[in-house]
Amino acid sequence: MSLKSMTGFGRAAGPVGDGSAEILARSVNHRSLDLTIKVREADLSLEPLVRGVFSRKLSRGKVEVSLRVKRAAADDYQVNLNEPLLEATLARLALLAAKFPVVGRLEGRDILAIPQIFSIENGAAQFSPEEKTAVEGLAEEAANALTLMRETEGREIAAEIGSRLEKLQSRALRIAARREELTRNIHAVLRERMKTLFPEVTFDPGRLEQEAALAAERSDVSEELQRLQAHLEQAARLVAEAGEPAGKRLDFLSQEILREINTLGSKARDLQLTRDVLDMKADLEAIREQIPNVE
């Protein structure tokens, strides 16, 4: 199994009892799992079923799921009349009719025009176990479709990250192969600088070698290279063998890799090493741009 993206779309539709249902799911990047289930008030009893399915399938991403249920039978609507309000309105109208030339009789359309006179309630629908099973099956289908798209995009991301990691590993190996050369260069540079700055002074060769050794030790990058190669190998394994969400671990590893590359740069006393460090930073930046898309 490879990496998964956090962006995708899934849809499922099918029969539910004597009606039908449709589930649409969309996801984008997010630090954790932010799951929103949109259902009508009458269908709230189905919300936990749909949420449970998507919670099992996904671990990161901002996910919006909408459920639309159409039933063959009419929904159970309850119409309530605010009788105290109507009585108060009629009493006021009778007073107005006694004082002014106003007709004190109301027709049906007049009552409908009175604000807040009616309230309409839609009772929660009752779903049979078979209907709930059907909705849960549709949720599984939509979640699988969403996951499939995320996996497809994840493979593209994995290919890009894997290619950049290979370049980083190649450059790290090239730097490691030049360790002795870098040490010799430090000795040579130190001698040349001493001769240039103090052309008439004769230095003790032993002391000069000691200072050169100290400078080489301060510029030694063996420990940084060991840690860098270990981090790169671990990142490569995560990309190639991601059996579970790896985005957060890749983010942490990228920070550690950046730290080691920065240390290499601070110790660089060689033009080629400086160029290698700059190239490594460019490759790592490309990786870090992709990691926020990884589940």
C-alpha atoms as a PDB file:
ATOM      1  CA  MET A   1       0.000   0.000   0.000  1.00  0.00           C
ATOM      2  CA  SER A   2       1.284   3.448  -0.904  1.00  0.00           C
ATOM      3  CA  LEU A   3       0.594   6.934   0.384  1.00  0.00           C
ATOM      4  CA  LYS A   4      -2.883   8.463   0.246  1.00  0.00           C
ATOM      5  CA  SER A   5      -3.771  11.984  -0.711  1.00  0.00           C
ATOM      6  CA  MET A   6      -6.262  13.933   1.386  1.00  0.00           C
ATOM      7  CA  THR A   7      -8.222  15.312  -1.578  1.00  0.00           C
ATOM      8  CA  GLY A   8     -10.877  13.298  -3.332  1.00  0.00           C
ATOM      9  CA  PHE A   9     -14.525  12.749  -4.193  1.00  0.00           C
ATOM     10  CA  GLY A  10     -16.858   9.808  -3.766  1.00  0.00           C
ATOM     11  CA  ARG A  11     -20.487   9.156  -4.685  1.00  0.00           C
ATOM     12  CA  ALA A  12     -22.969   6.341  -4.203  1.00  0.00           C
ATOM     13  CA  ALA A  13     -26.678   6.061  -4.962  1.00  0.00           C
ATOM     14  CA  GLY A  14     -29.174   3.254  -4.731  1.00  0.00           C
ATOM     15  CA  PRO A  15     -32.517   2.014  -3.425  1.00  0.00           C
ATOM     16  CA  VAL A  16     -33.477   2.329   0.216  1.00  0.00           C
ATOM     17  CA  GLY A  17     -36.688   0.554   1.024  1.00  0.00           C
ATOM     18  CA  ASP A  18     -39.391   1.897  -1.262  1.00  0.00           C
ATOM     19  CA  GLY A  19     -37.342   5.007  -1.991  1.00  0.00           C
ATOM     20  CA  SER A  20     -33.741   5.893  -2.773  1.00  0.00           C
ATOM     21  CA  ALA A  21     -30.715   7.650  -1.325  1.00  0.00           C
ATOM     22  CA  GLU A  22     -27.593   9.387  -2.556  1.00  0.00           C
ATOM     23  CA  ILE A  23     -24.367  10.038  -0.667  1.00  0.00           C
ATOM     24  CA  LEU A  24     -21.757  12.570  -1.838  1.00  0.00           C
ATOM     25  CA  ALA A  25     -18.366  12.898  -0.131  1.00  0.00           C
ATOM     26  CA  ARG A  26     -15.633  15.477  -0.683  1.00  0.00           C
ATOM     27  CA  SER A  27     -12.338  15.842   1.159  1.00  0.00           C
ATOM     28  CA  VAL A  28      -9.479  18.357   1.249  1.00  0.00           C
ATOM     29  CA  ASN A  29      -6.332  18.796   3.335  1.00  0.00           C
ATOM     30  CA  HIS A  30      -6.542  19.145   7.118  1.00  0.00           C
ATOM     31  CA  ARG A  31      -4.257  18.461  10.081  1.00  0.00           C
ATOM     32  CA  SER A  32      -6.668  15.882  11.531  1.00  0.00           C
ATOM     33  CA  LEU A  33      -9.995  14.300  10.619  1.00  0.00           C
ATOM     34  CA  ASP A  34     -12.701  16.975  10.428  1.00  0.00           C
ATOM     35  CA  LEU A  35     -15.822  15.075   9.408  1.00  0.00           C
ATOM     36  CA  THR A  36     -19.101  16.871   8.677  1.00  0.00           C
ATOM     37  CA  ILE A  37     -22.267  14.882   7.886  1.00  0.00           C
ATOM     38  CA  LYS A  38     -25.106  16.853   6.297  1.00  0.00           C
ATOM     39  CA  VAL A  39     -28.559  15.303   6.603  1.00  0.00           C
ATOM     40  CA  ARG A  40     -32.108  16.615   6.810  1.00  0.00           C
ATOM     41  CA  GLU A  41     -33.549  16.961  10.263  1.00  0.00           C
ATOM     42  CA  ALA A  42     -36.002  14.164   9.460  1.00  0.00           C
ATOM     43  CA  ASP A  43     -33.108  11.788   8.677  1.00  0.00           C
ATOM     44  CA  LEU A  44     -30.946  12.493  11.722  1.00  0.00           C
ATOM     45  CA  SER A  45     -31.192   8.883  12.869  1.00  0.00           C
ATOM     46  CA  LEU A  46     -29.020   7.907   9.875  1.00  0.00           C
ATOM     47  CA  GLU A  47     -26.220  10.338  10.724  1.00  0.00           C
ATOM     48  CA  PRO A  48     -24.372   8.042  13.212  1.00  0.00           C
ATOM     49  CA  LEU A  49     -24.357   5.214  10.656  1.00  0.00           C
ATOM     50  CA  VAL A  50     -22.759   7.354   7.953  1.00  0.00           C
ATOM     51  CA  ARG A  51     -20.318   8.962  10.393  1.00  0.00           C
ATOM     52  CA  GLY A  52     -19.207   5.573  11.674  1.00  0.00           C
ATOM     53  CA  VAL A  53     -18.401   4.311   8.177  1.00  0.00           C
ATOM     54  CA  PHE A  54     -16.301   7.329   7.180  1.00  0.00           C
ATOM     55  CA  SER A  55     -14.554   7.475  10.565  1.00  0.00           C
ATOM     56  CA  ARG A  56     -13.361   3.904  10.056  1.00  0.00           C
ATOM     57  CA  LYS A  57     -12.135   4.557   6.522  1.00  0.00           C
ATOM     58  CA  LEU A  58     -10.351   7.894   6.985  1.00  0.00           C
ATOM     59  CA  SER A  59      -7.896   9.340   9.493  1.00  0.00           C
ATOM     60  CA  ARG A  60      -7.060  12.838   8.165  1.00  0.00           C
ATOM     61  CA  GLY A  61      -8.691  15.485   6.005  1.00  0.00           C
ATOM     62  CA  LYS A  62     -11.585  17.891   6.063  1.00  0.00           C
ATOM     63  CA  VAL A  63     -14.426  15.701   4.811  1.00  0.00           C
ATOM     64  CA  GLU A  64     -17.959  16.809   3.963  1.00  0.00           C
ATOM     65  CA  VAL A  65     -20.572  14.110   3.434  1.00  0.00           C
ATOM     66  CA  SER A  66     -24.142  14.845   2.335  1.00  0.00           C
ATOM     67  CA  LEU A  67     -26.973  12.319   2.551  1.00  0.00           C
ATOM     68  CA  ARG A  68     -30.177  12.757   0.562  1.00  0.00           C
ATOM     69  CA  VAL A  69     -33.008  10.335   1.133  1.00  0.00           C
ATOM     70  CA  LYS A  70     -36.134  10.200  -1.037  1.00  0.00           C
ATOM     71  CA  ARG A  71     -39.010   8.128   0.216  1.00  0.00           C
ATOM     72  CA  ALA A  72     -42.041   7.058  -1.786  1.00  0.00           C
ATOM     73  CA  ALA A  73     -44.439   7.789   1.080  1.00  0.00           C
ATOM     74  CA  ALA A  74     -45.129  11.410   1.982  1.00  0.00           C
ATOM     75  CA  ASP A  75     -43.307  12.726   5.016  1.00  0.00           C
ATOM     76  CA  ASP A  76     -45.316  13.160   8.168  1.00  0.00           C
ATOM     77  CA  TYR A  77     -45.860  16.907   8.438  1.00  0.00           C
ATOM     78  CA  GLN A  78     -47.674  18.429  11.402  1.00  0.00           C
ATOM     79  CA  VAL A  79     -49.316  21.848  10.997  1.00  0.00           C
ATOM     80  CA  ASN A  80     -49.885  23.776  14.227  1.00  0.00           C
ATOM     81  CA  LEU A  81     -52.152  26.814  14.547  1.00  0.00           C
ATOM     82  CA  ASN A  82     -51.377  29.515  17.083  1.00  0.00           C
ATOM     83  CA  GLU A  83     -54.945  29.859  18.384  1.00  0.00           C
ATOM     84  CA  PRO A  84     -54.230  32.498  21.080  1.00  0.00           C
ATOM     85  CA  LEU A  85     -52.660  34.685  18.409  1.00  0.00           C
ATOM     86  CA  LEU A  86     -55.636  34.179  16.102  1.00  0.00           C
ATOM     87  CA  GLU A  87     -58.088  34.994  18.909  1.00  0.00           C
ATOM     88  CA  ALA A  88     -56.180  38.152  19.775  1.00  0.00           C
ATOM     89  CA  THR A  89     -56.128  39.147  16.114  1.00  0.00           C
ATOM     90  CA  LEU A  90     -59.910  38.597  15.746  1.00  0.00           C
ATOM     91  CA  ALA A  91     -60.647  40.535  18.943  1.00  0.00           C
ATOM     92  CA  ARG A  92     -58.554  43.427  17.715  1.00  0.00           C
ATOM     93  CA  LEU A  93     -60.239  43.294  14.330  1.00  0.00           C
ATOM     94  CA  ALA A  94     -63.712  43.398  15.972  1.00  0.00           C
ATOM     95  CA  LEU A  95     -62.697  46.557  17.863  1.00  0.00           C
ATOM     96  CA  LEU A  96     -61.441  48.155  14.674  1.00  0.00           C
ATOM     97  CA  ALA A  97     -64.669  47.195  12.844  1.00  0.00           C
ATOM     98  CA  ALA A  98     -66.738  48.934  15.560  1.00  0.00           C
ATOM     99  CA  LYS A  99     -64.760  52.181  15.218  1.00  0.00           C
ATOM    100  CA  PHE A 100     -63.841  52.226  11.540  1.00  0.00           C
ATOM    101  CA  PRO A 101     -65.322  51.028   8.254  1.00  0.00           C
ATOM    102  CA  VAL A 102     -63.426  47.754   8.397  1.00  0.00           C
ATOM    103  CA  VAL A 103     -64.942  44.368   7.632  1.00  0.00           C
ATOM    104  CA  GLY A 104     -64.623  42.246  10.744  1.00  0.00           C
ATOM    105  CA  ARG A 105     -64.506  38.913   8.992  1.00  0.00           C
ATOM    106  CA  LEU A 106     -61.459  36.922   7.925  1.00  0.00           C
ATOM    107  CA  GLU A 107     -61.143  34.444   5.091  1.00  0.00           C
ATOM    108  CA  GLY A 108     -58.610  31.630   4.756  1.00  0.00           C
ATOM    109  CA  ARG A 109     -56.124  33.633   2.715  1.00  0.00           C
ATOM    110  CA  ASP A 110     -56.287  36.411   5.329  1.00  0.00           C
ATOM    111  CA  ILE A 111     -55.303  33.987   8.082  1.00  0.00           C
ATOM    112  CA  LEU A 112     -52.355  32.728   6.016  1.00  0.00           C
ATOM    113  CA  ALA A 113     -51.064  36.290   5.803  1.00  0.00           C
ATOM    114  CA  ILE A 114     -50.813  36.663   9.593  1.00  0.00           C
ATOM    115  CA  PRO A 115     -47.124  36.298  10.643  1.00  0.00           C
ATOM    116  CA  GLN A 116     -46.332  33.352  12.940  1.00  0.00           C
ATOM    117  CA  ILE A 117     -49.884  32.050  12.837  1.00  0.00           C
ATOM    118  CA  PHE A 118     -48.807  28.615  11.582  1.00  0.00           C
ATOM    119  CA  SER A 119     -45.839  26.400  12.421  1.00  0.00           C
ATOM    120  CA  ILE A 120     -45.006  23.308  10.421  1.00  0.00           C
ATOM    121  CA  GLU A 121     -43.076  20.425  11.923  1.00  0.00           C
ATOM    122  CA  ASN A 122     -41.623  17.484  10.108  1.00  0.00           C
ATOM    123  CA  GLY A 123     -41.305  14.543  12.457  1.00  0.00           C
ATOM    124  CA  ALA A 124     -38.210  12.382  12.327  1.00  0.00           C
ATOM    125  CA  ALA A 125     -38.589   9.565   9.824  1.00  0.00           C
ATOM    126  CA  GLN A 126     -38.612   6.006  11.068  1.00  0.00           C
ATOM    127  CA  PHE A 127     -36.258   3.694   9.187  1.00  0.00           C
ATOM    128  CA  SER A 128     -36.441  -0.065   9.268  1.00  0.00           C
ATOM    129  CA  PRO A 129     -33.314  -2.161   9.955  1.00  0.00           C
ATOM    130  CA  GLU A 130     -33.235  -3.087   6.254  1.00  0.00           C
ATOM    131  CA  GLU A 131     -33.283   0.589   5.233  1.00  0.00           C
ATOM    132  CA  LYS A 132     -30.511   1.423   7.673  1.00  0.00           C
ATOM    133  CA  THR A 133     -28.441  -1.460   6.312  1.00  0.00           C
ATOM    134  CA  ALA A 134     -28.967  -0.150   2.779  1.00  0.00           C
ATOM    135  CA  VAL A 135     -27.846   3.361   3.780  1.00  0.00           C
ATOM    136  CA  GLU A 136     -24.799   1.941   5.555  1.00  0.00           C
ATOM    137  CA  GLY A 137     -23.927   0.000   2.401  1.00  0.00           C
ATOM    138  CA  LEU A 138     -24.157   3.172   0.315  1.00  0.00           C
ATOM    139  CA  ALA A 139     -21.913   4.945   2.822  1.00  0.00           C
ATOM    140  CA  GLU A 140     -19.354   2.134   2.440  1.00  0.00           C
ATOM    141  CA  GLU A 141     -19.530   2.478  -1.350  1.00  0.00           C
ATOM    142  CA  ALA A 142     -19.082   6.269  -1.255  1.00  0.00           C
ATOM    143  CA  ALA A 143     -16.240   6.010   1.272  1.00  0.00           C
ATOM    144  CA  ASN A 144     -14.497   3.375  -0.871  1.00  0.00           C
ATOM    145  CA  ALA A 145     -14.829   5.587  -3.959  1.00  0.00           C
ATOM    146  CA  LEU A 146     -13.363   8.507  -2.030  1.00  0.00           C
ATOM    147  CA  THR A 147     -10.533   6.344  -0.712  1.00  0.00           C
ATOM    148  CA  LEU A 148      -9.773   5.022  -4.205  1.00  0.00           C
ATOM    149  CA  MET A 149      -9.374   8.554  -5.563  1.00  0.00           C
ATOM    150  CA  ARG A 150      -7.179   9.497  -2.605  1.00  0.00           C
ATOM    151  CA  GLU A 151      -5.032   6.418  -3.235  1.00  0.00           C
ATOM    152  CA  THR A 152      -4.684   7.273  -6.936  1.00  0.00           C
ATOM    153  CA  GLU A 153      -3.510  10.796  -6.159  1.00  0.00           C
ATOM    154  CA  GLY A 154      -1.365   9.395  -3.352  1.00  0.00           C
ATOM    155  CA  ARG A 155       0.581   7.231  -5.797  1.00  0.00           C
ATOM    156  CA  GLU A 156       1.438  10.313  -7.841  1.00  0.00           C
ATOM    157  CA  ILE A 157       2.586  12.129  -4.705  1.00  0.00           C
ATOM    158  CA  ALA A 158       4.613   9.084  -3.622  1.00  0.00           C
ATOM    159  CA  ALA A 159       6.358   8.982  -7.003  1.00  0.00           C
ATOM    160  CA  GLU A 160       7.320  12.643  -6.717  1.00  0.00           C
ATOM    161  CA  ILE A 161       8.526  12.357  -3.111  1.00  0.00           C
ATOM    162  CA  GLY A 162      10.352   9.093  -3.840  1.00  0.00           C
ATOM    163  CA  SER A 163      12.204  10.666  -6.774  1.00  0.00           C
ATOM    164  CA  ARG A 164      13.313  13.608  -4.630  1.00  0.00           C
ATOM    165  CA  LEU A 165      14.428  11.307  -1.813  1.00  0.00           C
ATOM    166  CA  GLU A 166      16.575   9.337  -4.252  1.00  0.00           C
ATOM    167  CA  LYS A 167      18.290  12.560  -5.298  1.00  0.00           C
ATOM    168  CA  LEU A 168      18.876  13.489  -1.668  1.00  0.00           C
ATOM    169  CA  GLN A 169      20.335  10.059  -0.922  1.00  0.00           C
ATOM    170  CA  SER A 170      22.592  10.266  -3.972  1.00  0.00           C
ATOM    171  CA  ARG A 171      23.941  13.666  -2.946  1.00  0.00           C
ATOM    172  CA  ALA A 172      24.440  12.523   0.659  1.00  0.00           C
ATOM    173  CA  LEU A 173      26.456   9.528  -0.566  1.00  0.00           C
ATOM    174  CA  ARG A 174      28.521  11.793  -2.817  1.00  0.00           C
ATOM    175  CA  ILE A 175      29.325  14.068   0.111  1.00  0.00           C
ATOM    176  CA  ALA A 176      30.233  11.070   2.269  1.00  0.00           C
ATOM    177  CA  ALA A 177      32.588   9.837  -0.438  1.00  0.00           C
ATOM    178  CA  ARG A 178      34.390  13.194  -0.358  1.00  0.00           C
ATOM    179  CA  ARG A 179      35.000  13.315   3.397  1.00  0.00           C
ATOM    180  CA  GLU A 180      38.759  12.690   3.168  1.00  0.00           C
ATOM    181  CA  GLU A 181      39.056  15.156   0.302  1.00  0.00           C
ATOM    182  CA  LEU A 182      37.217  17.778   2.348  1.00  0.00           C
ATOM    183  CA  THR A 183      39.603  17.245   5.258  1.00  0.00           C
ATOM    184  CA  ARG A 184      42.652  17.632   3.008  1.00  0.00           C
ATOM    185  CA  ASN A 185      41.160  20.788   1.531  1.00  0.00           C
ATOM    186  CA  ILE A 186      40.730  22.278   5.000  1.00  0.00           C
ATOM    187  CA  HIS A 187      44.411  21.667   5.765  1.00  0.00           C
ATOM    188  CA  ALA A 188      45.473  23.193   2.460  1.00  0.00           C
ATOM    189  CA  VAL A 189      43.228  26.235   2.804  1.00  0.00           C
ATOM    190  CA  LEU A 190      44.485  26.881   6.353  1.00  0.00           C
ATOM    191  CA  ARG A 191      48.136  26.748   5.240  1.00  0.00           C
ATOM    192  CA  GLU A 192      47.497  29.095   2.307  1.00  0.00           C
ATOM    193  CA  ARG A 193      45.668  31.593   4.482  1.00  0.00           C
ATOM    194  CA  MET A 194      48.446  31.614   7.069  1.00  0.00           C
ATOM    195  CA  LYS A 195      51.066  32.208   4.367  1.00  0.00           C
ATOM    196  CA  THR A 196      48.995  34.978   2.819  1.00  0.00           C
ATOM    197  CA  LEU A 197      48.278  36.763   6.086  1.00  0.00           C
ATOM    198  CA  PHE A 198      51.755  36.314   7.601  1.00  0.00           C
ATOM    199  CA  PRO A 199      54.226  35.895   4.739  1.00  0.00           C
ATOM    200  CA  GLU A 200      57.312  36.703   6.845  1.00  0.00           C
ATOM    201  CA  VAL A 201      56.420  34.561   9.875  1.00  0.00           C
ATOM    202  CA  THR A 202      57.715  31.017  10.276  1.00  0.00           C
ATOM    203  CA  PHE A 203      55.180  28.739  11.968  1.00  0.00           C
ATOM    204  CA  ASP A 204      55.866  25.618  13.931  1.00  0.00           C
ATOM    205  CA  PRO A 205      54.759  22.772  11.591  1.00  0.00           C
ATOM    206  CA  GLY A 206      53.470  20.760  14.534  1.00  0.00           C
ATOM    207  CA  ARG A 207      51.334  23.633  15.791  1.00  0.00           C
ATOM    208  CA  LEU A 208      50.080  24.293  12.276  1.00  0.00           C
ATOM    209  CA  GLU A 209      49.055  20.654  11.911  1.00  0.00           C
ATOM    210  CA  GLN A 210      47.319  20.794  15.287  1.00  0.00           C
ATOM    211  CA  GLU A 211      45.288  23.847  14.276  1.00  0.00           C
ATOM    212  CA  ALA A 212      44.450  22.242  10.965  1.00  0.00           C
ATOM    213  CA  ALA A 213      43.263  19.120  12.780  1.00  0.00           C
ATOM    214  CA  LEU A 214      41.050  21.203  15.063  1.00  0.00           C
ATOM    215  CA  ALA A 215      39.568  23.062  12.099  1.00  0.00           C
ATOM    216  CA  ALA A 216      38.939  19.760  10.318  1.00  0.00           C
ATOM    217  CA  GLU A 217      37.234  18.350  13.413  1.00  0.00           C
ATOM    218  CA  ARG A 218      34.952  21.377  13.670  1.00  0.00           C
ATOM    219  CA  SER A 219      34.071  20.982  10.009  1.00  0.00           C
ATOM    220  CA  ASP A 220      33.633  17.219  10.107  1.00  0.00           C
ATOM    221  CA  VAL A 221      30.202  16.225   8.773  1.00  0.00           C
ATOM    222  CA  SER A 222      30.278  12.477   9.431  1.00  0.00           C
ATOM    223  CA  GLU A 223      27.692  12.538  12.233  1.00  0.00           C
ATOM    224  CA  GLU A 224      25.357  14.789  10.246  1.00  0.00           C
ATOM    225  CA  LEU A 225      25.660  12.495   7.230  1.00  0.00           C
ATOM    226  CA  GLN A 226      24.894   9.407   9.315  1.00  0.00           C
ATOM    227  CA  ARG A 227      21.760  10.977  10.769  1.00  0.00           C
ATOM    228  CA  LEU A 228      20.740  12.384   7.391  1.00  0.00           C
ATOM    229  CA  GLN A 229      21.085   9.022   5.666  1.00  0.00           C
ATOM    230  CA  ALA A 230      19.091   7.325   8.441  1.00  0.00           C
ATOM    231  CA  HIS A 231      16.274   9.880   8.115  1.00  0.00           C
ATOM    232  CA  LEU A 232      16.242   9.561   4.326  1.00  0.00           C
ATOM    233  CA  GLU A 233      16.054   5.756   4.512  1.00  0.00           C
ATOM    234  CA  GLN A 234      13.172   5.919   6.991  1.00  0.00           C
ATOM    235  CA  ALA A 235      11.304   8.429   4.814  1.00  0.00           C
ATOM    236  CA  ALA A 236      11.828   6.242   1.743  1.00  0.00           C
ATOM    237  CA  ARG A 237      10.381   3.231   3.592  1.00  0.00           C
ATOM    238  CA  LEU A 238       7.329   5.245   4.650  1.00  0.00           C
ATOM    239  CA  VAL A 239       6.700   6.333   1.072  1.00  0.00           C
ATOM    240  CA  ALA A 240       7.172   2.866  -0.416  1.00  0.00           C
ATOM    241  CA  GLU A 241       5.474   0.776   2.273  1.00  0.00           C
ATOM    242  CA  ALA A 242       2.886   3.088   3.860  1.00  0.00           C
ATOM    243  CA  GLY A 243       0.472   0.666   5.478  1.00  0.00           C
ATOM    244  CA  GLU A 244      -1.108   3.392   7.576  1.00  0.00           C
ATOM    245  CA  PRO A 245      -1.322   7.208   7.452  1.00  0.00           C
ATOM    246  CA  ALA A 246       2.210   8.576   7.153  1.00  0.00           C
ATOM    247  CA  GLY A 247       1.741  12.307   6.599  1.00  0.00           C
ATOM    248  CA  LYS A 248       2.532  13.413  10.149  1.00  0.00           C
ATOM    249  CA  ARG A 249       5.624  11.203  10.393  1.00  0.00           C
ATOM    250  CA  LEU A 250       6.864  12.434   7.023  1.00  0.00           C
ATOM    251  CA  ASP A 251       6.384  15.996   8.213  1.00  0.00           C
ATOM    252  CA  PHE A 252       8.475  15.294  11.315  1.00  0.00           C
ATOM    253  CA  LEU A 253      11.193  13.548   9.290  1.00  0.00           C
ATOM    254  CA  SER A 254      11.356  16.445   6.822  1.00  0.00           C
ATOM    255  CA  GLN A 255      12.073  18.801   9.719  1.00  0.00           C
ATOM    256  CA  GLU A 256      14.874  16.535  10.935  1.00  0.00           C
ATOM    257  CA  ILE A 257      16.305  16.254   7.419  1.00  0.00           C
ATOM    258  CA  LEU A 258      16.244  20.039   7.058  1.00  0.00           C
ATOM    259  CA  ARG A 259      18.086  20.397  10.373  1.00  0.00           C
ATOM    260  CA  GLU A 260      20.900  18.101   9.208  1.00  0.00           C
ATOM    261  CA  ILE A 261      21.159  19.804   5.813  1.00  0.00           C
ATOM    262  CA  ASN A 262      21.383  23.203   7.502  1.00  0.00           C
ATOM    263  CA  THR A 263      24.192  21.911   9.723  1.00  0.00           C
ATOM    264  CA  LEU A 264      26.012  20.606   6.651  1.00  0.00           C
ATOM    265  CA  GLY A 265      25.688  24.054   5.117  1.00  0.00           C
ATOM    266  CA  SER A 266      27.021  25.789   8.211  1.00  0.00           C
ATOM    267  CA  LYS A 267      30.099  23.528   8.147  1.00  0.00           C
ATOM    268  CA  ALA A 268      30.686  23.829   4.421  1.00  0.00           C
ATOM    269  CA  ARG A 269      34.205  25.033   3.555  1.00  0.00           C
ATOM    270  CA  ASP A 270      34.044  23.807  -0.006  1.00  0.00           C
ATOM    271  CA  LEU A 271      32.285  25.251  -3.069  1.00  0.00           C
ATOM    272  CA  GLN A 272      31.033  21.871  -4.292  1.00  0.00           C
ATOM    273  CA  LEU A 273      29.684  21.018  -0.833  1.00  0.00           C
ATOM    274  CA  THR A 274      27.867  24.357  -0.742  1.00  0.00           C
ATOM    275  CA  ARG A 275      26.304  23.615  -4.130  1.00  0.00           C
ATOM    276  CA  ASP A 276      25.263  20.149  -2.984  1.00  0.00           C
ATOM    277  CA  VAL A 277      23.645  21.609   0.132  1.00  0.00           C
ATOM    278  CA  LEU A 278      21.704  24.150  -1.954  1.00  0.00           C
ATOM    279  CA  ASP A 279      20.504  21.411  -4.310  1.00  0.00           C
ATOM    280  CA  MET A 280      19.450  19.277  -1.335  1.00  0.00           C
ATOM    281  CA  LYS A 281      17.480  22.156   0.111  1.00  0.00           C
ATOM    282  CA  ALA A 282      15.674  22.597  -3.222  1.00  0.00           C
ATOM    283  CA  ASP A 283      14.761  18.896  -3.347  1.00  0.00           C
ATOM    284  CA  LEU A 284      13.634  18.905   0.270  1.00  0.00           C
ATOM    285  CA  GLU A 285      11.494  21.986  -0.290  1.00  0.00           C
ATOM    286  CA  ALA A 286       9.725  20.174  -3.131  1.00  0.00           C
ATOM    287  CA  ILE A 287       9.063  17.276  -0.748  1.00  0.00           C
ATOM    288  CA  ARG A 288       7.767  19.584   2.001  1.00  0.00           C
ATOM    289  CA  GLU A 289       5.318  21.130  -0.484  1.00  0.00           C
ATOM    290  CA  GLN A 290       3.813  17.684  -1.110  1.00  0.00           C
ATOM    291  CA  ILE A 291       3.638  16.430   2.472  1.00  0.00           C
ATOM    292  CA  PRO A 292       0.603  18.578   3.491  1.00  0.00           C
ATOM    293  CA  ASN A 293      -1.354  16.638   0.834  1.00  0.00           C
ATOM    294  CA  VAL A 294      -0.529  13.266   2.419  1.00  0.00           C
ATOM    295  CA  GLU A 295      -2.958  11.535   4.788  1.00  0.00           C
END
